Amino acid sequence: MSPVIHIIDDDDQVRESLELLLETSGYSVQTFASGDIHIAENPSLDEAILILDVRMPGRDGLETLAYVRARAPSVPVIMISGHGDIPLAVKAMQIGANDFVEKPFVASRIIDAINHLGQSGDLTPSPHDARDALAALTPRESEVAQLLSDGKPNKIIAHELGVSVRTVETHRARLMSKLGIRSLADLVKLVMQV
C-alpha cells in the first residue's frame, strides 16, 4: 500500500506545489495549513509520511513533531525549512525527524526521501553499521562529523580546529561521500546512533 503524504506548511504555494508534485508521482496527499490544523483534524497516521515545515504560526513544526512522536513514534517525518541551519536540523533530528530538507528544494530530493522512507520506514542505520561507517573516516573527518552533529556551523568548526572554512567544507564533502549520505540530517542521525 502506498503511503499517504501529509503536507503541513503554512505557505499556500509550497503546499500546492508539493501536492501537485506528489499526486503526479502517484501518492495520495492530504494538506494542512498548520500543525494546529493537523492536530485538530486528527488524521490517521497509519501508512502516513509527514512533510512538516519548521516555521509556522501557532504550534511550530518542532512542537508538532514532538506531538506526533508522542502519538505515533514510528511515523516517518521529513522536516522542511526555508530557514534551515545546523542547530535547527540537529534539534529536529533529536526530536525524531527522519530527514531535514532545506527550501528551496529540488523535487527529486523530496521524492527520493519519501521513496526511501516508504521502503525502509527509516533513514537510520543500525548502531553497528553506524560505528563501522564512522570508523572509515580519518581522525580529522571524525572530528568534523562530531562537531557538525553538535550543531556547529562550518565557520565555528574552522575556528575551533585552527583551519580554514574551505578545509572544513572539504572534510565535510569527503566524509559525506565516504558515509554515502546526502544531507546534514543523515549525518546527525548516523552520529546519534553511535
N, C-alpha and C. Protein backbone atom coordinates (compact mmCIF):
# COMPACT_ATOMS: atom_id res chain seq x y z
N MET A 1 0.84 -1.18 0.00
CA MET A 1 0.00 0.00 0.00
C MET A 1 0.88 1.25 0.00
N SER A 2 0.56 2.18 -0.85
CA SER A 2 1.33 3.42 -0.96
C SER A 2 1.01 4.33 0.23
N PRO A 3 2.02 5.00 0.77
CA PRO A 3 1.76 5.86 1.92
C PRO A 3 0.92 7.08 1.54
N VAL A 4 0.23 7.62 2.53
CA VAL A 4 -0.49 8.88 2.38
C VAL A 4 0.45 9.96 2.90
N ILE A 5 0.69 10.97 2.07
CA ILE A 5 1.61 12.03 2.44
C ILE A 5 0.81 13.18 3.05
N HIS A 6 1.17 13.57 4.28
CA HIS A 6 0.56 14.72 4.94
C HIS A 6 1.52 15.89 4.77
N ILE A 7 1.10 16.92 4.05
CA ILE A 7 1.92 18.12 3.88
C ILE A 7 1.41 19.15 4.88
N ILE A 8 2.27 19.58 5.78
CA ILE A 8 1.89 20.53 6.82
C ILE A 8 2.80 21.75 6.67
N ASP A 9 2.26 22.81 6.06
CA ASP A 9 3.03 24.01 5.77
C ASP A 9 2.08 25.19 5.67
N ASP A 10 2.44 26.31 6.27
CA ASP A 10 1.58 27.49 6.23
C ASP A 10 1.66 28.25 4.91
N ASP A 11 2.63 27.95 4.08
CA ASP A 11 2.80 28.63 2.79
C ASP A 11 1.95 27.92 1.73
N ASP A 12 0.90 28.63 1.25
CA ASP A 12 -0.02 28.05 0.27
C ASP A 12 0.72 27.54 -0.97
N GLN A 13 1.67 28.33 -1.47
CA GLN A 13 2.38 27.93 -2.69
C GLN A 13 3.19 26.66 -2.49
N VAL A 14 3.84 26.54 -1.36
CA VAL A 14 4.62 25.33 -1.08
C VAL A 14 3.70 24.13 -0.98
N ARG A 15 2.60 24.29 -0.23
CA ARG A 15 1.64 23.19 -0.09
C ARG A 15 1.11 22.75 -1.45
N GLU A 16 0.69 23.71 -2.25
CA GLU A 16 0.10 23.39 -3.55
C GLU A 16 1.11 22.77 -4.50
N SER A 17 2.34 23.28 -4.51
CA SER A 17 3.34 22.72 -5.43
C SER A 17 3.75 21.31 -4.99
N LEU A 18 3.90 21.10 -3.68
CA LEU A 18 4.21 19.75 -3.19
C LEU A 18 3.05 18.79 -3.48
N GLU A 19 1.83 19.27 -3.28
CA GLU A 19 0.66 18.42 -3.55
C GLU A 19 0.64 17.99 -5.02
N LEU A 20 0.87 18.94 -5.92
CA LEU A 20 0.89 18.63 -7.35
C LEU A 20 2.02 17.65 -7.68
N LEU A 21 3.20 17.92 -7.17
CA LEU A 21 4.35 17.05 -7.41
C LEU A 21 4.07 15.63 -6.95
N LEU A 22 3.57 15.50 -5.75
CA LEU A 22 3.38 14.17 -5.17
C LEU A 22 2.20 13.43 -5.79
N GLU A 23 1.13 14.15 -6.10
CA GLU A 23 -0.01 13.49 -6.76
C GLU A 23 0.37 13.00 -8.15
N THR A 24 1.14 13.80 -8.88
CA THR A 24 1.57 13.36 -10.22
C THR A 24 2.59 12.23 -10.13
N SER A 25 3.19 12.06 -8.95
CA SER A 25 4.12 10.94 -8.73
C SER A 25 3.40 9.71 -8.19
N GLY A 26 2.07 9.81 -8.07
CA GLY A 26 1.28 8.65 -7.69
C GLY A 26 0.95 8.53 -6.21
N TYR A 27 1.23 9.55 -5.43
CA TYR A 27 0.94 9.49 -4.00
C TYR A 27 -0.43 10.09 -3.69
N SER A 28 -1.04 9.57 -2.65
CA SER A 28 -2.24 10.17 -2.08
C SER A 28 -1.76 11.25 -1.11
N VAL A 29 -2.38 12.43 -1.17
CA VAL A 29 -1.88 13.57 -0.41
C VAL A 29 -3.01 14.22 0.39
N GLN A 30 -2.69 14.63 1.60
CA GLN A 30 -3.58 15.47 2.42
C GLN A 30 -2.77 16.69 2.82
N THR A 31 -3.38 17.88 2.76
CA THR A 31 -2.65 19.10 3.11
C THR A 31 -3.27 19.78 4.32
N PHE A 32 -2.41 20.44 5.08
CA PHE A 32 -2.81 21.14 6.30
C PHE A 32 -2.03 22.44 6.38
N ALA A 33 -2.71 23.55 6.70
CA ALA A 33 -2.08 24.86 6.72
C ALA A 33 -1.27 25.14 7.99
N SER A 34 -1.36 24.25 8.97
CA SER A 34 -0.58 24.44 10.20
C SER A 34 -0.55 23.15 11.00
N GLY A 35 0.36 23.12 11.95
CA GLY A 35 0.40 21.98 12.87
C GLY A 35 -0.86 21.91 13.70
N ASP A 36 -1.38 23.07 14.09
CA ASP A 36 -2.62 23.11 14.88
C ASP A 36 -3.78 22.48 14.11
N ILE A 37 -3.88 22.78 12.82
CA ILE A 37 -4.96 22.22 12.00
C ILE A 37 -4.78 20.71 11.86
N HIS A 38 -3.56 20.27 11.63
CA HIS A 38 -3.29 18.83 11.52
C HIS A 38 -3.73 18.11 12.80
N ILE A 39 -3.36 18.68 13.93
CA ILE A 39 -3.71 18.06 15.21
C ILE A 39 -5.23 18.09 15.43
N ALA A 40 -5.87 19.23 15.11
CA ALA A 40 -7.32 19.35 15.30
C ALA A 40 -8.09 18.36 14.43
N GLU A 41 -7.63 18.18 13.19
CA GLU A 41 -8.33 17.26 12.27
C GLU A 41 -8.03 15.80 12.59
N ASN A 42 -6.94 15.56 13.33
CA ASN A 42 -6.59 14.23 13.80
C ASN A 42 -6.66 13.15 12.71
N PRO A 43 -5.95 13.35 11.58
CA PRO A 43 -6.00 12.34 10.52
C PRO A 43 -5.29 11.06 10.94
N SER A 44 -5.65 9.98 10.30
CA SER A 44 -5.00 8.70 10.57
C SER A 44 -3.52 8.80 10.19
N LEU A 45 -2.67 8.28 11.04
CA LEU A 45 -1.24 8.26 10.75
C LEU A 45 -0.78 6.89 10.27
N ASP A 46 -1.73 5.95 10.13
CA ASP A 46 -1.40 4.64 9.58
C ASP A 46 -0.98 4.83 8.13
N GLU A 47 0.15 4.27 7.76
CA GLU A 47 0.67 4.36 6.39
C GLU A 47 0.92 5.81 5.96
N ALA A 48 1.18 6.71 6.90
CA ALA A 48 1.41 8.12 6.57
C ALA A 48 2.90 8.44 6.61
N ILE A 49 3.27 9.42 5.80
CA ILE A 49 4.57 10.07 5.88
C ILE A 49 4.27 11.56 5.96
N LEU A 50 4.85 12.24 6.94
CA LEU A 50 4.61 13.67 7.11
C LEU A 50 5.73 14.49 6.52
N ILE A 51 5.35 15.54 5.80
CA ILE A 51 6.29 16.57 5.36
C ILE A 51 5.88 17.80 6.16
N LEU A 52 6.75 18.24 7.05
CA LEU A 52 6.39 19.21 8.07
C LEU A 52 7.32 20.41 8.03
N ASP A 53 6.74 21.60 7.82
CA ASP A 53 7.52 22.83 7.83
C ASP A 53 7.92 23.17 9.26
N VAL A 54 9.09 23.73 9.43
CA VAL A 54 9.58 24.06 10.76
C VAL A 54 8.90 25.31 11.31
N ARG A 55 8.84 26.36 10.51
CA ARG A 55 8.34 27.64 11.00
C ARG A 55 6.92 27.87 10.52
N MET A 56 5.99 27.86 11.47
CA MET A 56 4.58 28.11 11.17
C MET A 56 3.99 28.88 12.34
N PRO A 57 2.91 29.63 12.08
CA PRO A 57 2.24 30.31 13.20
C PRO A 57 1.57 29.28 14.11
N GLY A 58 1.35 29.68 15.35
CA GLY A 58 0.76 28.75 16.31
C GLY A 58 1.79 27.73 16.72
N ARG A 59 1.38 26.48 16.73
CA ARG A 59 2.30 25.38 17.07
C ARG A 59 3.29 25.23 15.92
N ASP A 60 4.57 25.45 16.18
CA ASP A 60 5.56 25.36 15.09
C ASP A 60 5.85 23.90 14.74
N GLY A 61 6.71 23.72 13.76
CA GLY A 61 7.00 22.37 13.28
C GLY A 61 7.64 21.47 14.32
N LEU A 62 8.53 22.02 15.14
CA LEU A 62 9.18 21.19 16.15
C LEU A 62 8.19 20.76 17.23
N GLU A 63 7.28 21.66 17.61
CA GLU A 63 6.25 21.29 18.59
C GLU A 63 5.29 20.26 18.00
N THR A 64 4.96 20.44 16.72
CA THR A 64 4.09 19.47 16.05
C THR A 64 4.78 18.12 15.95
N LEU A 65 6.07 18.13 15.63
CA LEU A 65 6.84 16.90 15.56
C LEU A 65 6.83 16.17 16.91
N ALA A 66 7.04 16.91 17.98
CA ALA A 66 7.04 16.29 19.32
C ALA A 66 5.66 15.69 19.62
N TYR A 67 4.60 16.38 19.24
CA TYR A 67 3.24 15.86 19.45
C TYR A 67 3.03 14.57 18.65
N VAL A 68 3.43 14.60 17.38
CA VAL A 68 3.27 13.41 16.53
C VAL A 68 4.09 12.25 17.08
N ARG A 69 5.33 12.51 17.51
CA ARG A 69 6.18 11.46 18.05
C ARG A 69 5.54 10.81 19.29
N ALA A 70 4.89 11.62 20.13
CA ALA A 70 4.24 11.08 21.33
C ALA A 70 3.04 10.20 20.95
N ARG A 71 2.37 10.56 19.87
CA ARG A 71 1.18 9.83 19.44
C ARG A 71 1.52 8.63 18.56
N ALA A 72 2.50 8.80 17.69
CA ALA A 72 2.86 7.76 16.72
C ALA A 72 4.37 7.76 16.53
N PRO A 73 5.11 7.09 17.41
CA PRO A 73 6.57 7.16 17.40
C PRO A 73 7.23 6.71 16.10
N SER A 74 6.58 5.86 15.33
CA SER A 74 7.25 5.32 14.15
C SER A 74 6.84 5.98 12.84
N VAL A 75 5.93 6.96 12.87
CA VAL A 75 5.53 7.59 11.61
C VAL A 75 6.72 8.38 11.05
N PRO A 76 7.07 8.17 9.78
CA PRO A 76 8.19 8.90 9.20
C PRO A 76 7.87 10.39 9.02
N VAL A 77 8.84 11.25 9.33
CA VAL A 77 8.65 12.69 9.23
C VAL A 77 9.84 13.31 8.52
N ILE A 78 9.54 14.09 7.48
CA ILE A 78 10.55 14.87 6.76
C ILE A 78 10.30 16.33 7.13
N MET A 79 11.26 16.97 7.76
CA MET A 79 11.14 18.39 8.10
C MET A 79 11.64 19.21 6.91
N ILE A 80 10.95 20.31 6.62
CA ILE A 80 11.39 21.22 5.57
C ILE A 80 11.46 22.62 6.17
N SER A 81 12.40 23.42 5.67
CA SER A 81 12.52 24.78 6.18
C SER A 81 13.27 25.66 5.21
N GLY A 82 12.78 26.87 5.07
CA GLY A 82 13.48 27.89 4.30
C GLY A 82 14.47 28.63 5.18
N HIS A 83 14.48 28.31 6.47
CA HIS A 83 15.35 28.97 7.43
C HIS A 83 16.26 27.95 8.10
N GLY A 84 16.62 26.93 7.35
CA GLY A 84 17.39 25.83 7.92
C GLY A 84 18.78 26.24 8.32
N ASP A 85 19.19 25.77 9.46
CA ASP A 85 20.57 25.92 9.88
C ASP A 85 20.94 24.64 10.65
N ILE A 86 22.19 24.51 10.95
CA ILE A 86 22.66 23.27 11.56
C ILE A 86 22.02 23.03 12.93
N PRO A 87 21.99 24.01 13.84
CA PRO A 87 21.36 23.72 15.13
C PRO A 87 19.88 23.31 15.01
N LEU A 88 19.17 23.93 14.08
CA LEU A 88 17.76 23.59 13.87
C LEU A 88 17.62 22.16 13.36
N ALA A 89 18.46 21.77 12.41
CA ALA A 89 18.42 20.40 11.88
C ALA A 89 18.75 19.39 12.98
N VAL A 90 19.73 19.71 13.80
CA VAL A 90 20.11 18.80 14.89
C VAL A 90 18.95 18.65 15.86
N LYS A 91 18.32 19.76 16.22
CA LYS A 91 17.19 19.70 17.16
C LYS A 91 16.05 18.86 16.58
N ALA A 92 15.75 19.05 15.29
CA ALA A 92 14.68 18.26 14.65
C ALA A 92 15.02 16.77 14.68
N MET A 93 16.27 16.43 14.43
CA MET A 93 16.67 15.03 14.44
C MET A 93 16.60 14.46 15.85
N GLN A 94 16.95 15.26 16.83
CA GLN A 94 16.89 14.79 18.22
C GLN A 94 15.45 14.52 18.65
N ILE A 95 14.52 15.33 18.16
CA ILE A 95 13.10 15.13 18.49
C ILE A 95 12.55 13.91 17.76
N GLY A 96 13.15 13.60 16.60
CA GLY A 96 12.70 12.39 15.92
C GLY A 96 12.43 12.52 14.44
N ALA A 97 12.84 13.63 13.82
CA ALA A 97 12.67 13.74 12.36
C ALA A 97 13.54 12.69 11.68
N ASN A 98 13.06 12.17 10.57
CA ASN A 98 13.83 11.19 9.81
C ASN A 98 14.72 11.86 8.78
N ASP A 99 14.34 13.06 8.34
CA ASP A 99 15.12 13.76 7.34
C ASP A 99 14.84 15.25 7.50
N PHE A 100 15.73 16.07 6.95
CA PHE A 100 15.60 17.53 7.02
C PHE A 100 16.01 18.07 5.66
N VAL A 101 15.09 18.76 5.00
CA VAL A 101 15.33 19.27 3.65
C VAL A 101 15.14 20.78 3.66
N GLU A 102 16.13 21.49 3.14
CA GLU A 102 16.05 22.94 3.09
C GLU A 102 15.32 23.40 1.84
N LYS A 103 14.48 24.46 2.00
CA LYS A 103 13.82 25.11 0.88
C LYS A 103 14.78 26.15 0.33
N PRO A 104 14.77 26.45 -0.92
CA PRO A 104 14.04 25.71 -1.95
C PRO A 104 14.72 24.37 -2.19
N PHE A 105 13.94 23.38 -2.52
CA PHE A 105 14.49 22.05 -2.73
C PHE A 105 14.18 21.58 -4.14
N VAL A 106 15.01 20.67 -4.60
CA VAL A 106 14.81 20.04 -5.90
C VAL A 106 13.75 18.96 -5.69
N ALA A 107 12.81 18.87 -6.60
CA ALA A 107 11.70 17.91 -6.47
C ALA A 107 12.21 16.49 -6.23
N SER A 108 13.28 16.12 -6.91
CA SER A 108 13.79 14.75 -6.77
C SER A 108 14.27 14.46 -5.35
N ARG A 109 14.70 15.49 -4.63
CA ARG A 109 15.17 15.29 -3.24
C ARG A 109 14.02 14.84 -2.35
N ILE A 110 12.86 15.47 -2.51
CA ILE A 110 11.68 15.10 -1.72
C ILE A 110 11.20 13.71 -2.12
N ILE A 111 11.11 13.46 -3.42
CA ILE A 111 10.65 12.15 -3.90
C ILE A 111 11.58 11.04 -3.41
N ASP A 112 12.90 11.27 -3.49
CA ASP A 112 13.86 10.27 -3.02
C ASP A 112 13.69 9.99 -1.53
N ALA A 113 13.51 11.05 -0.74
CA ALA A 113 13.33 10.87 0.71
C ALA A 113 12.06 10.08 1.00
N ILE A 114 10.97 10.40 0.31
CA ILE A 114 9.71 9.69 0.52
C ILE A 114 9.85 8.23 0.10
N ASN A 115 10.45 8.00 -1.06
CA ASN A 115 10.61 6.62 -1.52
C ASN A 115 11.45 5.81 -0.54
N HIS A 116 12.51 6.40 -0.05
CA HIS A 116 13.37 5.70 0.90
C HIS A 116 12.62 5.39 2.20
N LEU A 117 11.91 6.38 2.70
CA LEU A 117 11.14 6.17 3.94
C LEU A 117 10.02 5.17 3.73
N GLY A 118 9.39 5.22 2.56
CA GLY A 118 8.31 4.29 2.26
C GLY A 118 8.78 2.86 2.19
N GLN A 119 10.03 2.66 1.73
CA GLN A 119 10.58 1.31 1.61
C GLN A 119 11.10 0.80 2.94
N SER A 120 11.83 1.65 3.65
CA SER A 120 12.51 1.18 4.86
C SER A 120 11.84 1.62 6.14
N GLY A 121 11.03 2.66 6.06
CA GLY A 121 10.42 3.20 7.27
C GLY A 121 11.36 4.08 8.06
N ASP A 122 12.62 4.14 7.68
CA ASP A 122 13.57 4.95 8.43
C ASP A 122 14.81 5.17 7.59
N LEU A 123 15.52 6.24 7.90
CA LEU A 123 16.79 6.52 7.25
C LEU A 123 17.96 6.18 8.16
N THR A 124 17.69 5.61 9.31
CA THR A 124 18.70 5.40 10.33
C THR A 124 19.36 4.03 10.22
N PRO A 125 20.68 3.99 10.11
CA PRO A 125 21.36 2.69 10.11
C PRO A 125 21.38 2.11 11.51
N SER A 126 21.70 0.83 11.61
CA SER A 126 21.83 0.21 12.93
C SER A 126 23.06 0.79 13.62
N PRO A 127 23.12 0.74 14.95
CA PRO A 127 24.31 1.25 15.65
C PRO A 127 25.60 0.58 15.19
N HIS A 128 25.55 -0.72 14.91
CA HIS A 128 26.73 -1.44 14.44
C HIS A 128 27.18 -0.89 13.10
N ASP A 129 26.23 -0.70 12.16
CA ASP A 129 26.56 -0.15 10.85
C ASP A 129 27.10 1.27 10.98
N ALA A 130 26.53 2.05 11.88
CA ALA A 130 26.98 3.43 12.07
C ALA A 130 28.42 3.45 12.57
N ARG A 131 28.74 2.59 13.53
CA ARG A 131 30.12 2.53 14.04
C ARG A 131 31.10 2.13 12.94
N ASP A 132 30.72 1.14 12.14
CA ASP A 132 31.58 0.70 11.04
C ASP A 132 31.80 1.82 10.04
N ALA A 133 30.74 2.53 9.70
CA ALA A 133 30.85 3.62 8.73
C ALA A 133 31.75 4.73 9.27
N LEU A 134 31.54 5.12 10.51
CA LEU A 134 32.34 6.20 11.09
C LEU A 134 33.80 5.79 11.29
N ALA A 135 34.06 4.51 11.47
CA ALA A 135 35.43 4.03 11.63
C ALA A 135 36.26 4.21 10.36
N ALA A 136 35.59 4.35 9.22
CA ALA A 136 36.29 4.52 7.95
C ALA A 136 36.79 5.95 7.75
N LEU A 137 36.39 6.86 8.62
CA LEU A 137 36.80 8.26 8.48
C LEU A 137 38.19 8.48 9.07
N THR A 138 38.88 9.50 8.53
CA THR A 138 40.15 9.91 9.13
C THR A 138 39.85 10.56 10.47
N PRO A 139 40.85 10.70 11.33
CA PRO A 139 40.60 11.37 12.62
C PRO A 139 40.03 12.78 12.45
N ARG A 140 40.53 13.53 11.48
CA ARG A 140 40.03 14.90 11.28
C ARG A 140 38.60 14.88 10.76
N GLU A 141 38.29 13.96 9.84
CA GLU A 141 36.92 13.85 9.35
C GLU A 141 35.97 13.47 10.49
N SER A 142 36.44 12.62 11.39
CA SER A 142 35.62 12.24 12.56
C SER A 142 35.34 13.45 13.45
N GLU A 143 36.38 14.28 13.65
CA GLU A 143 36.19 15.50 14.44
C GLU A 143 35.15 16.40 13.80
N VAL A 144 35.28 16.60 12.49
CA VAL A 144 34.34 17.47 11.77
C VAL A 144 32.93 16.89 11.84
N ALA A 145 32.80 15.58 11.67
CA ALA A 145 31.48 14.94 11.75
C ALA A 145 30.85 15.17 13.11
N GLN A 146 31.63 15.01 14.17
CA GLN A 146 31.09 15.20 15.52
C GLN A 146 30.68 16.65 15.75
N LEU A 147 31.52 17.58 15.33
CA LEU A 147 31.21 19.00 15.53
C LEU A 147 29.98 19.42 14.72
N LEU A 148 29.86 18.90 13.50
CA LEU A 148 28.66 19.18 12.70
C LEU A 148 27.41 18.63 13.38
N SER A 149 27.51 17.42 13.89
CA SER A 149 26.34 16.81 14.53
C SER A 149 26.02 17.48 15.87
N ASP A 150 26.98 18.21 16.43
CA ASP A 150 26.72 19.00 17.64
C ASP A 150 26.02 20.31 17.31
N GLY A 151 25.83 20.57 16.01
CA GLY A 151 25.12 21.77 15.59
C GLY A 151 25.99 22.97 15.30
N LYS A 152 27.29 22.75 15.16
CA LYS A 152 28.19 23.88 14.93
C LYS A 152 28.32 24.16 13.43
N PRO A 153 28.27 25.44 13.04
CA PRO A 153 28.46 25.79 11.63
C PRO A 153 29.92 25.68 11.21
N ASN A 154 30.14 25.62 9.90
CA ASN A 154 31.49 25.46 9.35
C ASN A 154 32.48 26.50 9.89
N LYS A 155 32.04 27.75 10.00
CA LYS A 155 32.93 28.82 10.44
C LYS A 155 33.43 28.58 11.87
N ILE A 156 32.55 28.15 12.75
CA ILE A 156 32.93 27.86 14.14
C ILE A 156 33.86 26.65 14.19
N ILE A 157 33.54 25.63 13.40
CA ILE A 157 34.39 24.44 13.35
C ILE A 157 35.79 24.81 12.89
N ALA A 158 35.86 25.64 11.85
CA ALA A 158 37.16 26.07 11.33
C ALA A 158 37.96 26.78 12.42
N HIS A 159 37.31 27.66 13.16
CA HIS A 159 37.98 28.38 14.24
C HIS A 159 38.47 27.41 15.33
N GLU A 160 37.60 26.48 15.74
CA GLU A 160 37.97 25.52 16.80
C GLU A 160 39.12 24.61 16.39
N LEU A 161 39.16 24.24 15.10
CA LEU A 161 40.21 23.32 14.64
C LEU A 161 41.44 24.05 14.10
N GLY A 162 41.37 25.38 14.00
CA GLY A 162 42.50 26.14 13.51
C GLY A 162 42.77 25.93 12.02
N VAL A 163 41.70 25.76 11.25
CA VAL A 163 41.83 25.57 9.80
C VAL A 163 40.89 26.55 9.10
N SER A 164 40.97 26.59 7.78
CA SER A 164 40.09 27.49 7.02
C SER A 164 38.70 26.87 6.87
N VAL A 165 37.73 27.72 6.58
CA VAL A 165 36.37 27.25 6.32
C VAL A 165 36.38 26.31 5.12
N ARG A 166 37.18 26.63 4.12
CA ARG A 166 37.26 25.78 2.92
C ARG A 166 37.76 24.38 3.29
N THR A 167 38.70 24.28 4.21
CA THR A 167 39.19 22.97 4.65
C THR A 167 38.07 22.19 5.33
N VAL A 168 37.29 22.87 6.16
CA VAL A 168 36.15 22.20 6.81
C VAL A 168 35.16 21.72 5.75
N GLU A 169 34.89 22.56 4.76
CA GLU A 169 33.96 22.17 3.68
C GLU A 169 34.48 20.96 2.92
N THR A 170 35.79 20.89 2.71
CA THR A 170 36.39 19.74 2.02
C THR A 170 36.24 18.48 2.87
N HIS A 171 36.55 18.58 4.16
CA HIS A 171 36.37 17.43 5.06
C HIS A 171 34.91 16.98 5.09
N ARG A 172 34.02 17.96 5.14
CA ARG A 172 32.58 17.65 5.18
C ARG A 172 32.16 16.90 3.92
N ALA A 173 32.59 17.39 2.76
CA ALA A 173 32.23 16.73 1.50
C ALA A 173 32.80 15.31 1.44
N ARG A 174 34.05 15.15 1.86
CA ARG A 174 34.68 13.82 1.83
C ARG A 174 34.00 12.85 2.79
N LEU A 175 33.71 13.31 4.01
CA LEU A 175 33.11 12.39 4.98
C LEU A 175 31.70 12.00 4.55
N MET A 176 30.97 12.93 3.95
CA MET A 176 29.62 12.60 3.49
C MET A 176 29.68 11.62 2.33
N SER A 177 30.67 11.79 1.47
CA SER A 177 30.85 10.85 0.36
C SER A 177 31.22 9.46 0.89
N LYS A 178 32.17 9.40 1.82
CA LYS A 178 32.59 8.11 2.39
C LYS A 178 31.44 7.40 3.09
N LEU A 179 30.59 8.19 3.76
CA LEU A 179 29.48 7.61 4.52
C LEU A 179 28.27 7.32 3.64
N GLY A 180 28.31 7.82 2.40
CA GLY A 180 27.19 7.58 1.49
C GLY A 180 25.92 8.31 1.91
N ILE A 181 26.09 9.48 2.49
CA ILE A 181 24.93 10.25 2.93
C ILE A 181 24.80 11.52 2.10
N ARG A 182 23.56 12.05 2.06
CA ARG A 182 23.32 13.20 1.20
C ARG A 182 23.05 14.48 1.95
N SER A 183 22.81 14.41 3.25
CA SER A 183 22.42 15.63 3.95
C SER A 183 22.98 15.65 5.36
N LEU A 184 22.96 16.84 5.93
CA LEU A 184 23.38 17.00 7.31
C LEU A 184 22.46 16.20 8.23
N ALA A 185 21.19 16.14 7.90
CA ALA A 185 20.24 15.36 8.71
C ALA A 185 20.68 13.89 8.78
N ASP A 186 21.10 13.35 7.64
CA ASP A 186 21.57 11.96 7.61
C ASP A 186 22.81 11.79 8.50
N LEU A 187 23.71 12.79 8.47
CA LEU A 187 24.91 12.72 9.30
C LEU A 187 24.55 12.75 10.78
N VAL A 188 23.65 13.64 11.16
CA VAL A 188 23.25 13.73 12.57
C VAL A 188 22.65 12.41 13.03
N LYS A 189 21.77 11.82 12.21
CA LYS A 189 21.16 10.53 12.57
C LYS A 189 22.23 9.46 12.75
N LEU A 190 23.20 9.44 11.84
CA LEU A 190 24.27 8.44 11.89
C LEU A 190 25.08 8.58 13.17
N VAL A 191 25.52 9.80 13.47
CA VAL A 191 26.34 10.04 14.66
C VAL A 191 25.54 9.75 15.93
N MET A 192 24.25 10.05 15.93
CA MET A 192 23.41 9.80 17.11
C MET A 192 23.28 8.30 17.39
N GLN A 193 23.51 7.46 16.39
CA GLN A 193 23.38 6.01 16.57
C GLN A 193 24.55 5.39 17.31
N VAL A 194 25.66 6.09 17.36
CA VAL A 194 26.87 5.52 17.97
C VAL A 194 26.89 5.78 19.46
